[in-house]
Each structure stands twice: as structure tokens, then as C-alpha cells.
Amino acid sequence: MPARELGSEGWHKPWSGGNGGNCLEAMKLADGRIAVRQSTDPDGPALIYTPDEMNAFIQGAKAGVADFLLT
């Protein structure tokens, strides 16, 4: 979905780091789904996840399931 269709209000940068502003932004939608977009391309695509999908991602990241991506 084009992120611009979701508006400009309500986006947060929970994964912000010291990378010069290249961050992911997330927004919780009215129906409980979570939209994610690239902060440097706010008019680009937004990926939409269900609460269960986002929970699985966060819990997996906390458990180290994706640590292989860092090495």
C-alpha cells in the first residue's frame, strides 16, 4: 500500500539509530494492524502486518532468531 494513503500523522521511529536518519517508521492502524515504512521515503510503500505477525517478529528478534543477519 502507498504510505501516503495512511497520512503523515501517527508515525513513530521505534527502530531509530545513529545511522543518519535512515530509520523505519511504524504506525498502529485503527483496526490494530501495524504499518511500516522507510523514513527516507515517506511516500513510498508501506508494509502492513497483523498484530500476530508483528508479535512474532518482535519476539523472534528478542530471542535472537535473526542474529545471523548481523554477522
C-alpha atoms as a PDB file:
ATOM      1  CA  MET A   1       0.000   0.000   0.000  1.00  0.00           C
ATOM      2  CA  PRO A   2       1.322   3.508  -0.696  1.00  0.00           C
ATOM      3  CA  ALA A   3       2.285   5.041   2.659  1.00  0.00           C
ATOM      4  CA  ARG A   4       0.865   8.413   1.620  1.00  0.00           C
ATOM      5  CA  GLU A   5      -2.621   6.845   1.760  1.00  0.00           C
ATOM      6  CA  LEU A   6      -2.116   6.414   5.517  1.00  0.00           C
ATOM      7  CA  GLY A   7      -1.444  10.110   6.128  1.00  0.00           C
ATOM      8  CA  SER A   8       1.510  11.798   7.772  1.00  0.00           C
ATOM      9  CA  GLU A   9       0.325  11.792  11.408  1.00  0.00           C
ATOM     10  CA  GLY A  10       0.909   8.950  13.850  1.00  0.00           C
ATOM     11  CA  TRP A  11       4.199   7.562  12.531  1.00  0.00           C
ATOM     12  CA  HIS A  12       6.859   6.653  15.130  1.00  0.00           C
ATOM     13  CA  LYS A  13      10.528   5.672  14.842  1.00  0.00           C
ATOM     14  CA  PRO A  14      10.893   2.767  17.287  1.00  0.00           C
ATOM     15  CA  TRP A  15      13.956   1.450  15.445  1.00  0.00           C
ATOM     16  CA  SER A  16      15.820   4.737  15.163  1.00  0.00           C
ATOM     17  CA  GLY A  17      19.560   4.552  15.422  1.00  0.00           C
ATOM     18  CA  GLY A  18      22.679   6.530  14.783  1.00  0.00           C
ATOM     19  CA  ASN A  19      22.524   5.968  11.042  1.00  0.00           C
ATOM     20  CA  GLY A  20      21.865   9.489   9.794  1.00  0.00           C
ATOM     21  CA  GLY A  21      18.077   9.257   9.841  1.00  0.00           C
ATOM     22  CA  ASN A  22      17.696   6.088   7.763  1.00  0.00           C
ATOM     23  CA  CYS A  23      15.056   4.584  10.014  1.00  0.00           C
ATOM     24  CA  LEU A  24      11.940   2.529   9.886  1.00  0.00           C
ATOM     25  CA  GLU A  25       8.733   4.198  10.976  1.00  0.00           C
ATOM     26  CA  ALA A  26       5.706   2.347  12.293  1.00  0.00           C
ATOM     27  CA  MET A  27       2.079   3.273  12.862  1.00  0.00           C
ATOM     28  CA  LYS A  28      -0.704   1.338  14.546  1.00  0.00           C
ATOM     29  CA  LEU A  29      -3.799   1.448  12.359  1.00  0.00           C
ATOM     30  CA  ALA A  30      -7.355   1.795  13.677  1.00  0.00           C
ATOM     31  CA  ASP A  31      -8.045  -1.908  13.040  1.00  0.00           C
ATOM     32  CA  GLY A  32      -4.984  -2.999  15.051  1.00  0.00           C
ATOM     33  CA  ARG A  33      -2.682  -3.766  12.122  1.00  0.00           C
ATOM     34  CA  ILE A  34       0.775  -2.173  12.006  1.00  0.00           C
ATOM     35  CA  ALA A  35       2.124  -0.228   9.039  1.00  0.00           C
ATOM     36  CA  VAL A  36       5.893   0.063   8.494  1.00  0.00           C
ATOM     37  CA  ARG A  37       7.632   2.428   6.071  1.00  0.00           C
ATOM     38  CA  GLN A  38      11.118   3.750   5.322  1.00  0.00           C
ATOM     39  CA  SER A  39      11.542   7.194   6.889  1.00  0.00           C
ATOM     40  CA  THR A  40      13.574   8.498   3.946  1.00  0.00           C
ATOM     41  CA  ASP A  41      10.744   7.594   1.546  1.00  0.00           C
ATOM     42  CA  PRO A  42       7.515   8.591   3.330  1.00  0.00           C
ATOM     43  CA  ASP A  43       5.555   8.490   0.062  1.00  0.00           C
ATOM     44  CA  GLY A  44       6.883   5.047  -0.852  1.00  0.00           C
ATOM     45  CA  PRO A  45       5.331   1.712   0.041  1.00  0.00           C
ATOM     46  CA  ALA A  46       4.125   0.727   3.490  1.00  0.00           C
ATOM     47  CA  LEU A  47       4.138  -2.892   4.596  1.00  0.00           C
ATOM     48  CA  ILE A  48       1.089  -3.860   6.653  1.00  0.00           C
ATOM     49  CA  TYR A  49       1.310  -6.536   9.358  1.00  0.00           C
ATOM     50  CA  THR A  50      -1.261  -8.128  11.623  1.00  0.00           C
ATOM     51  CA  PRO A  51      -0.709  -7.876  15.376  1.00  0.00           C
ATOM     52  CA  ASP A  52       0.197 -11.600  15.422  1.00  0.00           C
ATOM     53  CA  GLU A  53       2.794 -11.127  12.683  1.00  0.00           C
ATOM     54  CA  MET A  54       4.364  -8.151  14.452  1.00  0.00           C
ATOM     55  CA  ASN A  55       4.357 -10.007  17.767  1.00  0.00           C
ATOM     56  CA  ALA A  56       6.117 -12.982  16.151  1.00  0.00           C
ATOM     57  CA  PHE A  57       8.715 -10.638  14.635  1.00  0.00           C
ATOM     58  CA  ILE A  58       9.421  -8.800  17.890  1.00  0.00           C
ATOM     59  CA  GLN A  59       9.519 -11.967  20.000  1.00  0.00           C
ATOM     60  CA  GLY A  60      11.781 -13.650  17.441  1.00  0.00           C
ATOM     61  CA  ALA A  61      14.130 -10.658  17.405  1.00  0.00           C
ATOM     62  CA  LYS A  62      14.258 -10.647  21.217  1.00  0.00           C
ATOM     63  CA  ALA A  63      15.053 -14.371  21.196  1.00  0.00           C
ATOM     64  CA  GLY A  64      17.920 -13.877  18.737  1.00  0.00           C
ATOM     65  CA  VAL A  65      16.286 -15.716  15.826  1.00  0.00           C
ATOM     66  CA  ALA A  66      17.539 -13.108  13.340  1.00  0.00           C
ATOM     67  CA  ASP A  67      21.002 -12.576  14.840  1.00  0.00           C
ATOM     68  CA  PHE A  68      22.533 -14.260  11.770  1.00  0.00           C
ATOM     69  CA  LEU A  69      21.661 -11.080   9.848  1.00  0.00           C
ATOM     70  CA  LEU A  70      24.129  -9.117  11.964  1.00  0.00           C
ATOM     71  CA  THR A  71      27.205 -11.176  11.228  1.00  0.00           C
END
